[in-house]
C-alpha atoms as a PDB file:
ATOM      1  CA  UNK A   1     -15.821 -17.652 -32.365  1.00  0.00           C
ATOM      2  CA  UNK A   2     -12.975 -16.950 -34.773  1.00  0.00           C
ATOM      3  CA  UNK A   3     -10.331 -14.283 -35.163  1.00  0.00           C
ATOM      4  CA  UNK A   4     -10.480 -12.320 -38.419  1.00  0.00           C
ATOM      5  CA  UNK A   5      -7.329 -10.795 -39.959  1.00  0.00           C
ATOM      6  CA  UNK A   6      -6.667  -7.115 -39.174  1.00  0.00           C
ATOM      7  CA  UNK A   7      -7.197  -6.031 -42.773  1.00  0.00           C
ATOM      8  CA  UNK A   8     -10.635  -7.686 -42.790  1.00  0.00           C
ATOM      9  CA  UNK A   9     -11.530  -5.908 -39.542  1.00  0.00           C
ATOM     10  CA  UNK A  10     -10.398  -2.610 -41.011  1.00  0.00           C
ATOM     11  CA  UNK A  11     -12.412  -2.994 -44.200  1.00  0.00           C
ATOM     12  CA  UNK A  12     -15.575  -3.883 -42.263  1.00  0.00           C
ATOM     13  CA  UNK A  13     -15.126  -0.825 -40.033  1.00  0.00           C
ATOM     14  CA  UNK A  14     -14.456   1.365 -43.053  1.00  0.00           C
ATOM     15  CA  UNK A  15     -17.614   0.446 -44.981  1.00  0.00           C
ATOM     16  CA  UNK A  16     -19.994   0.228 -41.999  1.00  0.00           C
ATOM     17  CA  UNK A  17     -18.752   3.143 -39.924  1.00  0.00           C
ATOM     18  CA  UNK A  18     -18.305   0.841 -36.926  1.00  0.00           C
ATOM     19  CA  UNK A  19     -15.847   1.796 -34.190  1.00  0.00           C
ATOM     20  CA  UNK A  20     -14.988  -1.845 -33.545  1.00  0.00           C
ATOM     21  CA  UNK A  21     -15.719  -5.352 -34.768  1.00  0.00           C
ATOM     22  CA  UNK A  22     -16.125  -8.422 -32.577  1.00  0.00           C
ATOM     23  CA  UNK A  23     -17.753 -11.812 -32.112  1.00  0.00           C
ATOM     24  CA  UNK A  24     -17.195 -13.246 -35.603  1.00  0.00           C
ATOM     25  CA  UNK A  25     -18.670 -16.690 -36.211  1.00  0.00           C
ATOM     26  CA  UNK A  26     -18.899 -18.960 -39.234  1.00  0.00           C
ATOM     27  CA  UNK A  27     -22.352 -19.157 -40.833  1.00  0.00           C
ATOM     28  CA  UNK A  28     -21.304 -21.657 -43.484  1.00  0.00           C
ATOM     29  CA  UNK A  29     -18.482 -22.623 -45.818  1.00  0.00           C
ATOM     30  CA  UNK A  30     -18.665 -21.754 -49.493  1.00  0.00           C
ATOM     31  CA  UNK A  31     -19.169 -24.550 -52.016  1.00  0.00           C
ATOM     32  CA  UNK A  32     -16.103 -26.749 -52.593  1.00  0.00           C
ATOM     33  CA  UNK A  33     -14.045 -24.970 -49.945  1.00  0.00           C
ATOM     34  CA  UNK A  34     -13.826 -21.600 -51.732  1.00  0.00           C
ATOM     35  CA  UNK A  35     -14.100 -19.557 -48.540  1.00  0.00           C
ATOM     36  CA  UNK A  36     -16.377 -18.782 -45.636  1.00  0.00           C
ATOM     37  CA  UNK A  37     -19.444 -16.753 -44.743  1.00  0.00           C
ATOM     38  CA  UNK A  38     -19.237 -15.043 -41.347  1.00  0.00           C
ATOM     39  CA  UNK A  39     -21.615 -13.147 -39.108  1.00  0.00           C
ATOM     40  CA  UNK A  40     -19.768 -10.271 -37.486  1.00  0.00           C
ATOM     41  CA  UNK A  41     -21.103  -8.012 -34.722  1.00  0.00           C
ATOM     42  CA  UNK A  42     -20.373  -4.293 -34.701  1.00  0.00           C
ATOM     43  CA  UNK A  43     -20.030  -1.450 -32.217  1.00  0.00           C
ATOM     44  CA  UNK A  44     -20.752   2.143 -33.167  1.00  0.00           C
ATOM     45  CA  UNK A  45     -22.642   1.345 -36.359  1.00  0.00           C
ATOM     46  CA  UNK A  46     -26.326   1.639 -37.228  1.00  0.00           C
ATOM     47  CA  UNK A  47     -26.188  -2.084 -37.964  1.00  0.00           C
ATOM     48  CA  UNK A  48     -25.591  -4.421 -35.044  1.00  0.00           C
ATOM     49  CA  UNK A  49     -24.218  -7.150 -37.311  1.00  0.00           C
ATOM     50  CA  UNK A  50     -23.231  -7.832 -40.894  1.00  0.00           C
ATOM     51  CA  UNK A  51     -22.608 -10.868 -43.077  1.00  0.00           C
ATOM     52  CA  UNK A  52     -19.129 -11.150 -44.557  1.00  0.00           C
ATOM     53  CA  UNK A  53     -18.696 -13.391 -47.591  1.00  0.00           C
ATOM     54  CA  UNK A  54     -14.968 -13.993 -47.908  1.00  0.00           C
ATOM     55  CA  UNK A  55     -13.915 -15.813 -51.069  1.00  0.00           C
ATOM     56  CA  UNK A  56     -10.509 -17.487 -50.792  1.00  0.00           C
ATOM     57  CA  UNK A  57     -10.120 -20.187 -53.455  1.00  0.00           C
ATOM     58  CA  UNK A  58      -8.239 -23.283 -52.300  1.00  0.00           C
ATOM     59  CA  UNK A  59      -5.113 -24.585 -53.976  1.00  0.00           C
ATOM     60  CA  UNK A  60      -7.120 -27.718 -54.739  1.00  0.00           C
ATOM     61  CA  UNK A  61     -10.905 -27.808 -55.041  1.00  0.00           C
ATOM     62  CA  UNK A  62     -12.846 -30.340 -52.997  1.00  0.00           C
ATOM     63  CA  UNK A  63     -16.065 -30.746 -54.954  1.00  0.00           C
ATOM     64  CA  UNK A  64     -18.458 -33.115 -53.143  1.00  0.00           C
ATOM     65  CA  UNK A  65     -19.288 -34.935 -56.377  1.00  0.00           C
ATOM     66  CA  UNK A  66     -15.825 -34.938 -57.909  1.00  0.00           C
ATOM     67  CA  UNK A  67     -16.205 -32.152 -60.501  1.00  0.00           C
ATOM     68  CA  UNK A  68     -12.800 -30.604 -59.809  1.00  0.00           C
ATOM     69  CA  UNK A  69     -11.427 -29.799 -63.264  1.00  0.00           C
ATOM     70  CA  UNK A  70     -10.024 -26.466 -64.410  1.00  0.00           C
ATOM     71  CA  UNK A  71     -13.276 -25.558 -66.164  1.00  0.00           C
ATOM     72  CA  UNK A  72     -15.145 -26.030 -62.896  1.00  0.00           C
ATOM     73  CA  UNK A  73     -12.561 -23.931 -61.058  1.00  0.00           C
ATOM     74  CA  UNK A  74     -12.702 -21.096 -63.586  1.00  0.00           C
ATOM     75  CA  UNK A  75     -16.507 -21.130 -63.534  1.00  0.00           C
ATOM     76  CA  UNK A  76     -16.518 -20.716 -59.754  1.00  0.00           C
ATOM     77  CA  UNK A  77     -14.001 -17.866 -59.903  1.00  0.00           C
ATOM     78  CA  UNK A  78     -16.088 -16.151 -62.544  1.00  0.00           C
ATOM     79  CA  UNK A  79     -19.226 -16.634 -60.425  1.00  0.00           C
ATOM     80  CA  UNK A  80     -17.806 -14.548 -57.585  1.00  0.00           C
ATOM     81  CA  UNK A  81     -16.726 -11.830 -60.002  1.00  0.00           C
ATOM     82  CA  UNK A  82     -20.291 -11.825 -61.325  1.00  0.00           C
ATOM     83  CA  UNK A  83     -21.667 -11.472 -57.812  1.00  0.00           C
ATOM     84  CA  UNK A  84     -19.345  -8.524 -57.227  1.00  0.00           C
ATOM     85  CA  UNK A  85     -20.699  -6.816 -60.361  1.00  0.00           C
ATOM     86  CA  UNK A  86     -24.253  -7.626 -59.287  1.00  0.00           C
ATOM     87  CA  UNK A  87     -23.903  -5.819 -55.973  1.00  0.00           C
ATOM     88  CA  UNK A  88     -21.933  -2.918 -57.423  1.00  0.00           C
ATOM     89  CA  UNK A  89     -23.999  -2.257 -60.546  1.00  0.00           C
ATOM     90  CA  UNK A  90     -27.459  -3.865 -60.333  1.00  0.00           C
ATOM     91  CA  UNK A  91     -28.675  -4.546 -56.792  1.00  0.00           C
ATOM     92  CA  UNK A  92     -29.610  -0.900 -56.159  1.00  0.00           C
ATOM     93  CA  UNK A  93     -32.474  -1.289 -58.653  1.00  0.00           C
ATOM     94  CA  UNK A  94     -34.187  -3.709 -56.278  1.00  0.00           C
ATOM     95  CA  UNK A  95     -36.781  -2.467 -53.794  1.00  0.00           C
ATOM     96  CA  UNK A  96     -39.035  -3.914 -51.099  1.00  0.00           C
ATOM     97  CA  UNK A  97     -40.786  -6.170 -53.601  1.00  0.00           C
ATOM     98  CA  UNK A  98     -37.432  -7.524 -54.767  1.00  0.00           C
ATOM     99  CA  UNK A  99     -35.635  -7.608 -51.437  1.00  0.00           C
ATOM    100  CA  UNK A 100     -31.900  -8.334 -51.521  1.00  0.00           C
ATOM    101  CA  UNK A 101     -29.205  -7.661 -48.909  1.00  0.00           C
ATOM    102  CA  UNK A 102     -27.835  -4.152 -48.829  1.00  0.00           C
ATOM    103  CA  UNK A 103     -24.173  -4.257 -49.781  1.00  0.00           C
ATOM    104  CA  UNK A 104     -21.986  -2.051 -47.580  1.00  0.00           C
ATOM    105  CA  UNK A 105     -18.955  -2.661 -49.718  1.00  0.00           C
ATOM    106  CA  UNK A 106     -16.868  -5.077 -51.749  1.00  0.00           C
ATOM    107  CA  UNK A 107     -13.152  -5.462 -52.275  1.00  0.00           C
ATOM    108  CA  UNK A 108     -10.987  -7.734 -54.373  1.00  0.00           C
ATOM    109  CA  UNK A 109      -7.301  -8.456 -54.799  1.00  0.00           C
ATOM    110  CA  UNK A 110      -4.662 -11.133 -54.356  1.00  0.00           C
ATOM    111  CA  UNK A 111      -7.099 -13.699 -55.705  1.00  0.00           C
ATOM    112  CA  UNK A 112      -9.669 -12.960 -53.007  1.00  0.00           C
ATOM    113  CA  UNK A 113     -13.046 -11.199 -52.969  1.00  0.00           C
ATOM    114  CA  UNK A 114     -14.913  -9.935 -49.930  1.00  0.00           C
ATOM    115  CA  UNK A 115     -18.522  -8.779 -49.619  1.00  0.00           C
ATOM    116  CA  UNK A 116     -19.854  -6.986 -46.541  1.00  0.00           C
ATOM    117  CA  UNK A 117     -23.607  -7.474 -46.637  1.00  0.00           C
ATOM    118  CA  UNK A 118     -26.680  -6.681 -44.607  1.00  0.00           C
ATOM    119  CA  UNK A 119     -27.551  -9.377 -42.076  1.00  0.00           C
ATOM    120  CA  UNK A 120     -30.997 -10.427 -43.280  1.00  0.00           C
ATOM    121  CA  UNK A 121     -31.650 -12.353 -40.072  1.00  0.00           C
ATOM    122  CA  UNK A 122     -31.318  -9.111 -38.113  1.00  0.00           C
ATOM    123  CA  UNK A 123     -33.345  -7.260 -40.747  1.00  0.00           C
ATOM    124  CA  UNK A 124     -36.357  -9.496 -40.127  1.00  0.00           C
ATOM    125  CA  UNK A 125     -35.788 -12.448 -42.454  1.00  0.00           C
ATOM    126  CA  UNK A 126     -34.499 -15.174 -40.099  1.00  0.00           C
ATOM    127  CA  UNK A 127     -36.217 -18.245 -41.547  1.00  0.00           C
ATOM    128  CA  UNK A 128     -34.820 -20.694 -44.129  1.00  0.00           C
ATOM    129  CA  UNK A 129     -37.001 -23.493 -45.454  1.00  0.00           C
ATOM    130  CA  UNK A 130     -36.419 -26.820 -47.156  1.00  0.00           C
ATOM    131  CA  UNK A 131     -39.954 -27.053 -48.522  1.00  0.00           C
ATOM    132  CA  UNK A 132     -42.863 -24.653 -48.874  1.00  0.00           C
ATOM    133  CA  UNK A 133     -46.621 -24.664 -48.422  1.00  0.00           C
ATOM    134  CA  UNK A 134     -48.835 -23.032 -51.050  1.00  0.00           C
ATOM    135  CA  UNK A 135     -48.435 -19.605 -49.463  1.00  0.00           C
ATOM    136  CA  UNK A 136     -44.653 -19.904 -49.534  1.00  0.00           C
ATOM    137  CA  UNK A 137     -44.641 -21.075 -53.149  1.00  0.00           C
ATOM    138  CA  UNK A 138     -46.829 -18.119 -54.103  1.00  0.00           C
ATOM    139  CA  UNK A 139     -44.441 -15.724 -52.369  1.00  0.00           C
ATOM    140  CA  UNK A 140     -41.468 -17.220 -54.188  1.00  0.00           C
ATOM    141  CA  UNK A 141     -43.179 -17.000 -57.568  1.00  0.00           C
ATOM    142  CA  UNK A 142     -44.203 -13.397 -56.968  1.00  0.00           C
ATOM    143  CA  UNK A 143     -40.664 -12.552 -55.942  1.00  0.00           C
ATOM    144  CA  UNK A 144     -39.256 -14.048 -59.137  1.00  0.00           C
ATOM    145  CA  UNK A 145     -41.917 -12.310 -61.227  1.00  0.00           C
ATOM    146  CA  UNK A 146     -41.034  -8.963 -59.649  1.00  0.00           C
ATOM    147  CA  UNK A 147     -37.339  -9.632 -60.183  1.00  0.00           C
ATOM    148  CA  UNK A 148     -37.779 -10.548 -63.837  1.00  0.00           C
ATOM    149  CA  UNK A 149     -40.125  -7.645 -64.523  1.00  0.00           C
ATOM    150  CA  UNK A 150     -37.664  -5.230 -62.928  1.00  0.00           C
ATOM    151  CA  UNK A 151     -34.802  -6.343 -65.166  1.00  0.00           C
ATOM    152  CA  UNK A 152     -36.729  -7.045 -68.375  1.00  0.00           C
ATOM    153  CA  UNK A 153     -34.564  -6.053 -71.350  1.00  0.00           C
ATOM    154  CA  UNK A 154     -31.592  -5.072 -69.155  1.00  0.00           C
ATOM    155  CA  UNK A 155     -28.205  -5.973 -70.616  1.00  0.00           C
ATOM    156  CA  UNK A 156     -26.223  -8.349 -68.359  1.00  0.00           C
ATOM    157  CA  UNK A 157     -23.014  -6.330 -68.617  1.00  0.00           C
ATOM    158  CA  UNK A 158     -20.487  -7.748 -66.161  1.00  0.00           C
ATOM    159  CA  UNK A 159     -22.795 -10.647 -65.335  1.00  0.00           C
ATOM    160  CA  UNK A 160     -23.140 -14.026 -67.029  1.00  0.00           C
ATOM    161  CA  UNK A 161     -24.250 -13.547 -70.617  1.00  0.00           C
ATOM    162  CA  UNK A 162     -26.420 -16.600 -69.975  1.00  0.00           C
ATOM    163  CA  UNK A 163     -27.588 -16.864 -66.394  1.00  0.00           C
ATOM    164  CA  UNK A 164     -27.950 -20.092 -64.314  1.00  0.00           C
ATOM    165  CA  UNK A 165     -25.173 -22.387 -63.200  1.00  0.00           C
ATOM    166  CA  UNK A 166     -26.202 -25.247 -65.484  1.00  0.00           C
ATOM    167  CA  UNK A 167     -26.439 -23.671 -68.930  1.00  0.00           C
ATOM    168  CA  UNK A 168     -24.954 -25.737 -71.699  1.00  0.00           C
ATOM    169  CA  UNK A 169     -22.017 -23.522 -72.691  1.00  0.00           C
ATOM    170  CA  UNK A 170     -20.355 -23.886 -69.281  1.00  0.00           C
ATOM    171  CA  UNK A 171     -21.180 -27.596 -68.797  1.00  0.00           C
ATOM    172  CA  UNK A 172     -19.452 -29.607 -71.558  1.00  0.00           C
ATOM    173  CA  UNK A 173     -18.054 -32.122 -69.065  1.00  0.00           C
ATOM    174  CA  UNK A 174     -21.493 -32.928 -67.689  1.00  0.00           C
ATOM    175  CA  UNK A 175     -22.885 -33.254 -71.220  1.00  0.00           C
ATOM    176  CA  UNK A 176     -20.088 -35.658 -72.145  1.00  0.00           C
ATOM    177  CA  UNK A 177     -20.817 -37.715 -69.019  1.00  0.00           C
ATOM    178  CA  UNK A 178     -24.420 -38.338 -70.066  1.00  0.00           C
ATOM    179  CA  UNK A 179     -25.281 -41.698 -71.477  1.00  0.00           C
ATOM    180  CA  UNK A 180     -26.570 -41.911 -75.032  1.00  0.00           C
ATOM    181  CA  UNK A 181     -30.100 -40.528 -75.024  1.00  0.00           C
ATOM    182  CA  UNK A 182     -32.344 -38.147 -76.944  1.00  0.00           C
ATOM    183  CA  UNK A 183     -32.033 -35.464 -74.289  1.00  0.00           C
ATOM    184  CA  UNK A 184     -28.285 -35.397 -74.912  1.00  0.00           C
ATOM    185  CA  UNK A 185     -28.812 -35.472 -78.668  1.00  0.00           C
ATOM    186  CA  UNK A 186     -31.144 -32.480 -78.558  1.00  0.00           C
ATOM    187  CA  UNK A 187     -29.367 -30.545 -75.796  1.00  0.00           C
ATOM    188  CA  UNK A 188     -28.219 -27.831 -78.196  1.00  0.00           C
ATOM    189  CA  UNK A 189     -31.757 -27.409 -79.563  1.00  0.00           C
ATOM    190  CA  UNK A 190     -33.123 -26.938 -76.056  1.00  0.00           C
ATOM    191  CA  UNK A 191     -30.389 -24.455 -75.191  1.00  0.00           C
ATOM    192  CA  UNK A 192     -30.957 -22.576 -78.439  1.00  0.00           C
ATOM    193  CA  UNK A 193     -34.698 -22.293 -77.807  1.00  0.00           C
ATOM    194  CA  UNK A 194     -34.129 -20.669 -74.412  1.00  0.00           C
ATOM    195  CA  UNK A 195     -31.350 -18.388 -75.638  1.00  0.00           C
ATOM    196  CA  UNK A 196     -33.358 -17.374 -78.686  1.00  0.00           C
ATOM    197  CA  UNK A 197     -36.334 -16.015 -76.770  1.00  0.00           C
ATOM    198  CA  UNK A 198     -37.436 -12.602 -77.991  1.00  0.00           C
ATOM    199  CA  UNK A 199     -37.997 -11.480 -74.394  1.00  0.00           C
ATOM    200  CA  UNK A 200     -34.948 -11.654 -72.153  1.00  0.00           C
ATOM    201  CA  UNK A 201     -34.427 -10.526 -68.589  1.00  0.00           C
ATOM    202  CA  UNK A 202     -31.963 -11.125 -65.789  1.00  0.00           C
ATOM    203  CA  UNK A 203     -32.448 -14.444 -64.032  1.00  0.00           C
ATOM    204  CA  UNK A 204     -31.275 -15.126 -60.499  1.00  0.00           C
ATOM    205  CA  UNK A 205     -29.623 -18.297 -61.740  1.00  0.00           C
ATOM    206  CA  UNK A 206     -29.789 -20.356 -58.521  1.00  0.00           C
ATOM    207  CA  UNK A 207     -33.332 -19.665 -57.315  1.00  0.00           C
ATOM    208  CA  UNK A 208     -33.748 -22.739 -55.129  1.00  0.00           C
ATOM    209  CA  UNK A 209     -35.766 -22.501 -51.953  1.00  0.00           C
ATOM    210  CA  UNK A 210     -32.580 -22.556 -49.834  1.00  0.00           C
ATOM    211  CA  UNK A 211     -31.562 -19.192 -51.308  1.00  0.00           C
ATOM    212  CA  UNK A 212     -34.682 -17.434 -50.017  1.00  0.00           C
ATOM    213  CA  UNK A 213     -35.058 -15.929 -46.559  1.00  0.00           C
ATOM    214  CA  UNK A 214     -38.450 -15.500 -44.914  1.00  0.00           C
ATOM    215  CA  UNK A 215     -39.775 -13.247 -42.190  1.00  0.00           C
ATOM    216  CA  UNK A 216     -40.784 -14.868 -38.916  1.00  0.00           C
ATOM    217  CA  UNK A 217     -44.494 -14.449 -39.689  1.00  0.00           C
ATOM    218  CA  UNK A 218     -44.042 -15.735 -43.255  1.00  0.00           C
ATOM    219  CA  UNK A 219     -45.302 -12.518 -44.854  1.00  0.00           C
ATOM    220  CA  UNK A 220     -42.066 -11.287 -46.457  1.00  0.00           C
ATOM    221  CA  UNK A 221     -39.286 -12.785 -48.544  1.00  0.00           C
ATOM    222  CA  UNK A 222     -35.762 -11.896 -49.657  1.00  0.00           C
ATOM    223  CA  UNK A 223     -33.167 -13.616 -51.844  1.00  0.00           C
ATOM    224  CA  UNK A 224     -29.428 -14.201 -51.535  1.00  0.00           C
ATOM    225  CA  UNK A 225     -26.585 -15.780 -53.543  1.00  0.00           C
ATOM    226  CA  UNK A 226     -26.237 -13.955 -56.854  1.00  0.00           C
ATOM    227  CA  UNK A 227     -23.243 -15.821 -58.270  1.00  0.00           C
ATOM    228  CA  UNK A 228     -25.097 -17.028 -61.358  1.00  0.00           C
ATOM    229  CA  UNK A 229     -27.255 -14.029 -62.201  1.00  0.00           C
ATOM    230  CA  UNK A 230     -27.292 -13.218 -65.908  1.00  0.00           C
ATOM    231  CA  UNK A 231     -29.375 -12.955 -69.043  1.00  0.00           C
ATOM    232  CA  UNK A 232     -32.130 -15.386 -69.905  1.00  0.00           C
ATOM    233  CA  UNK A 233     -35.760 -16.401 -70.044  1.00  0.00           C
ATOM    234  CA  UNK A 234     -37.512 -16.050 -66.688  1.00  0.00           C
ATOM    235  CA  UNK A 235     -38.873 -19.584 -66.893  1.00  0.00           C
ATOM    236  CA  UNK A 236     -35.423 -20.963 -66.087  1.00  0.00           C
ATOM    237  CA  UNK A 237     -35.754 -19.560 -62.567  1.00  0.00           C
ATOM    238  CA  UNK A 238     -39.399 -20.570 -62.243  1.00  0.00           C
ATOM    239  CA  UNK A 239     -38.893 -24.216 -63.227  1.00  0.00           C
ATOM    240  CA  UNK A 240     -35.822 -24.538 -61.013  1.00  0.00           C
ATOM    241  CA  UNK A 241     -37.550 -22.914 -58.034  1.00  0.00           C
ATOM    242  CA  UNK A 242     -40.623 -25.122 -58.264  1.00  0.00           C
ATOM    243  CA  UNK A 243     -38.473 -28.224 -58.621  1.00  0.00           C
ATOM    244  CA  UNK A 244     -36.682 -27.294 -55.392  1.00  0.00           C
ATOM    245  CA  UNK A 245     -39.782 -27.009 -53.206  1.00  0.00           C
ATOM    246  CA  UNK A 246     -42.581 -29.161 -54.686  1.00  0.00           C
ATOM    247  CA  UNK A 247     -43.071 -32.835 -55.352  1.00  0.00           C
ATOM    248  CA  UNK A 248     -44.137 -34.482 -58.605  1.00  0.00           C
ATOM    249  CA  UNK A 249     -47.858 -34.423 -57.963  1.00  0.00           C
ATOM    250  CA  UNK A 250     -47.838 -30.745 -56.997  1.00  0.00           C
ATOM    251  CA  UNK A 251     -45.806 -29.714 -60.042  1.00  0.00           C
ATOM    252  CA  UNK A 252     -48.058 -31.694 -62.364  1.00  0.00           C
ATOM    253  CA  UNK A 253     -51.415 -30.875 -60.789  1.00  0.00           C
ATOM    254  CA  UNK A 254     -50.812 -27.166 -60.224  1.00  0.00           C
ATOM    255  CA  UNK A 255     -48.701 -26.245 -63.257  1.00  0.00           C
ATOM    256  CA  UNK A 256     -51.259 -23.932 -64.863  1.00  0.00           C
ATOM    257  CA  UNK A 257     -52.242 -22.285 -61.587  1.00  0.00           C
ATOM    258  CA  UNK A 258     -48.614 -21.686 -60.621  1.00  0.00           C
ATOM    259  CA  UNK A 259     -47.851 -20.024 -63.942  1.00  0.00           C
ATOM    260  CA  UNK A 260     -51.005 -17.920 -63.605  1.00  0.00           C
ATOM    261  CA  UNK A 261     -49.738 -16.711 -60.229  1.00  0.00           C
ATOM    262  CA  UNK A 262     -46.349 -15.830 -61.684  1.00  0.00           C
ATOM    263  CA  UNK A 263     -47.671 -13.918 -64.695  1.00  0.00           C
ATOM    264  CA  UNK A 264     -50.269 -12.011 -62.687  1.00  0.00           C
ATOM    265  CA  UNK A 265     -47.447 -10.695 -60.488  1.00  0.00           C
ATOM    266  CA  UNK A 266     -45.187 -10.067 -63.488  1.00  0.00           C
ATOM    267  CA  UNK A 267     -47.762  -7.937 -65.315  1.00  0.00           C
ATOM    268  CA  UNK A 268     -48.595  -6.023 -62.150  1.00  0.00           C
ATOM    269  CA  UNK A 269     -44.939  -5.179 -61.601  1.00  0.00           C
ATOM    270  CA  UNK A 270     -44.462  -4.104 -65.206  1.00  0.00           C
ATOM    271  CA  UNK A 271     -47.504  -1.833 -64.949  1.00  0.00           C
ATOM    272  CA  UNK A 272     -45.904  -0.103 -61.954  1.00  0.00           C
ATOM    273  CA  UNK A 273     -42.624   0.319 -63.799  1.00  0.00           C
ATOM    274  CA  UNK A 274     -43.936   1.663 -67.102  1.00  0.00           C
ATOM    275  CA  UNK A 275     -47.039   3.371 -65.731  1.00  0.00           C
ATOM    276  CA  UNK A 276     -49.482   1.253 -67.718  1.00  0.00           C
ATOM    277  CA  UNK A 277     -50.143  -2.333 -68.717  1.00  0.00           C
ATOM    278  CA  UNK A 278     -47.842  -3.736 -71.365  1.00  0.00           C
ATOM    279  CA  UNK A 279     -50.791  -4.727 -73.562  1.00  0.00           C
ATOM    280  CA  UNK A 280     -49.782  -6.626 -76.666  1.00  0.00           C
ATOM    281  CA  UNK A 281     -46.159  -6.941 -75.584  1.00  0.00           C
ATOM    282  CA  UNK A 282     -47.244  -8.405 -72.263  1.00  0.00           C
ATOM    283  CA  UNK A 283     -49.445 -10.987 -73.969  1.00  0.00           C
ATOM    284  CA  UNK A 284     -46.688 -11.921 -76.407  1.00  0.00           C
ATOM    285  CA  UNK A 285     -44.171 -12.287 -73.605  1.00  0.00           C
ATOM    286  CA  UNK A 286     -46.508 -14.504 -71.603  1.00  0.00           C
ATOM    287  CA  UNK A 287     -47.222 -16.683 -74.616  1.00  0.00           C
ATOM    288  CA  UNK A 288     -43.521 -17.099 -75.381  1.00  0.00           C
ATOM    289  CA  UNK A 289     -42.467 -17.770 -71.803  1.00  0.00           C
ATOM    290  CA  UNK A 290     -45.287 -20.219 -71.089  1.00  0.00           C
ATOM    291  CA  UNK A 291     -44.080 -22.255 -74.062  1.00  0.00           C
ATOM    292  CA  UNK A 292     -40.557 -22.138 -72.590  1.00  0.00           C
ATOM    293  CA  UNK A 293     -41.568 -23.490 -69.168  1.00  0.00           C
ATOM    294  CA  UNK A 294     -41.265 -27.186 -70.142  1.00  0.00           C
ATOM    295  CA  UNK A 295     -38.130 -26.377 -72.153  1.00  0.00           C
ATOM    296  CA  UNK A 296     -36.536 -24.914 -69.013  1.00  0.00           C
ATOM    297  CA  UNK A 297     -37.417 -28.101 -67.123  1.00  0.00           C
ATOM    298  CA  UNK A 298     -35.831 -30.187 -69.865  1.00  0.00           C
ATOM    299  CA  UNK A 299     -32.698 -28.038 -69.831  1.00  0.00           C
ATOM    300  CA  UNK A 300     -32.135 -28.561 -66.097  1.00  0.00           C
ATOM    301  CA  UNK A 301     -32.928 -32.264 -66.403  1.00  0.00           C
ATOM    302  CA  UNK A 302     -30.220 -32.528 -69.066  1.00  0.00           C
ATOM    303  CA  UNK A 303     -27.692 -31.026 -66.673  1.00  0.00           C
ATOM    304  CA  UNK A 304     -28.686 -33.253 -63.762  1.00  0.00           C
ATOM    305  CA  UNK A 305     -28.429 -36.423 -65.840  1.00  0.00           C
ATOM    306  CA  UNK A 306     -24.780 -35.609 -66.530  1.00  0.00           C
ATOM    307  CA  UNK A 307     -23.892 -34.147 -63.140  1.00  0.00           C
ATOM    308  CA  UNK A 308     -25.557 -36.663 -60.833  1.00  0.00           C
ATOM    309  CA  UNK A 309     -27.847 -39.148 -62.606  1.00  0.00           C
ATOM    310  CA  UNK A 310     -29.165 -40.572 -59.339  1.00  0.00           C
ATOM    311  CA  UNK A 311     -30.142 -37.234 -57.806  1.00  0.00           C
ATOM    312  CA  UNK A 312     -33.535 -36.890 -56.123  1.00  0.00           C
ATOM    313  CA  UNK A 313     -34.392 -33.903 -58.345  1.00  0.00           C
ATOM    314  CA  UNK A 314     -34.581 -36.289 -61.309  1.00  0.00           C
ATOM    315  CA  UNK A 315     -38.214 -37.165 -60.739  1.00  0.00           C
ATOM    316  CA  UNK A 316     -40.887 -38.800 -62.859  1.00  0.00           C
ATOM    317  CA  UNK A 317     -42.294 -35.356 -63.636  1.00  0.00           C
ATOM    318  CA  UNK A 318     -38.939 -33.984 -64.799  1.00  0.00           C
ATOM    319  CA  UNK A 319     -38.387 -37.022 -67.039  1.00  0.00           C
ATOM    320  CA  UNK A 320     -41.913 -36.814 -68.462  1.00  0.00           C
ATOM    321  CA  UNK A 321     -41.606 -33.100 -69.244  1.00  0.00           C
ATOM    322  CA  UNK A 322     -38.194 -33.598 -70.858  1.00  0.00           C
ATOM    323  CA  UNK A 323     -39.565 -36.469 -72.971  1.00  0.00           C
ATOM    324  CA  UNK A 324     -42.396 -34.267 -74.254  1.00  0.00           C
ATOM    325  CA  UNK A 325     -39.964 -31.503 -75.182  1.00  0.00           C
ATOM    326  CA  UNK A 326     -37.708 -33.967 -77.004  1.00  0.00           C
ATOM    327  CA  UNK A 327     -40.697 -35.327 -78.922  1.00  0.00           C
ATOM    328  CA  UNK A 328     -41.694 -31.818 -79.976  1.00  0.00           C
ATOM    329  CA  UNK A 329     -38.190 -31.139 -81.260  1.00  0.00           C
ATOM    330  CA  UNK A 330     -38.104 -34.435 -83.106  1.00  0.00           C
ATOM    331  CA  UNK A 331     -41.509 -33.752 -84.667  1.00  0.00           C
ATOM    332  CA  UNK A 332     -40.481 -30.262 -85.768  1.00  0.00           C
ATOM    333  CA  UNK A 333     -37.398 -31.686 -87.466  1.00  0.00           C
ATOM    334  CA  UNK A 334     -39.439 -34.201 -89.425  1.00  0.00           C
ATOM    335  CA  UNK A 335     -41.749 -31.568 -90.932  1.00  0.00           C
END
């Protein structure tokens, strides 16, 4: 157990209505030593516990792979400001089909940010998974489809203009670190294709399996970690999610079926929102986004090759998809 500062205790009591706060324990440290996540128990509140995300940037970053430059530091600081805007201005639009933690309150100042969030473990989402069976993959895809359908056409004001933590504009160092290859040569074309999509939504931006929480019986799902939420094509989340929880053979064999699952859920959610099927617009969106699925894979592969060229996520499938995208770009240029 740890002792929290008095001002942190007071803020938690203020936003939760608790009479007292006790039994604080560390859940995990934030990436590169930028703070801690705590579970804190309460007395006199409707909630028995909350999660406190306390961002306190270090004087010197300790990135596990050595990316400690000023650009990296500023990107991380911006990511927590984005998450603050997400909870203040956007999260309330989510419902049971797009389950996110309730935010009791946020505060910022003196270079620090603090979030007091619903404890999803206590709310019935205690499981975290490193891999998923078909049912789990389907749940994740439906969640992302519901998320993207909910925020279709919404302006990312206060969020990242371009969502995801790996998009090209914020990763010049990783691009420079890549060896000479066609994927590096055509990186701007790939980025431009994704950014130029007619249909834009908000993307989660870090939709790996580790950022999803599951109910004990496996029937419900919620998402956390909204530091890189912003505008973009929904396929960026889908490709990244599938790459985090499936192997090469599954991604290759089931690609069409997985996209079918996603778009069925997407259209269903849109029908609920607008009161009818999207018709022509829905078909045009699906056509555009399906064509962007391999492009999204190629975009993430480009980042990984610069960031950590030996990473396990750089699989045969990811290289094959990226090679096909590069060949399409090269062919289009020769016409």
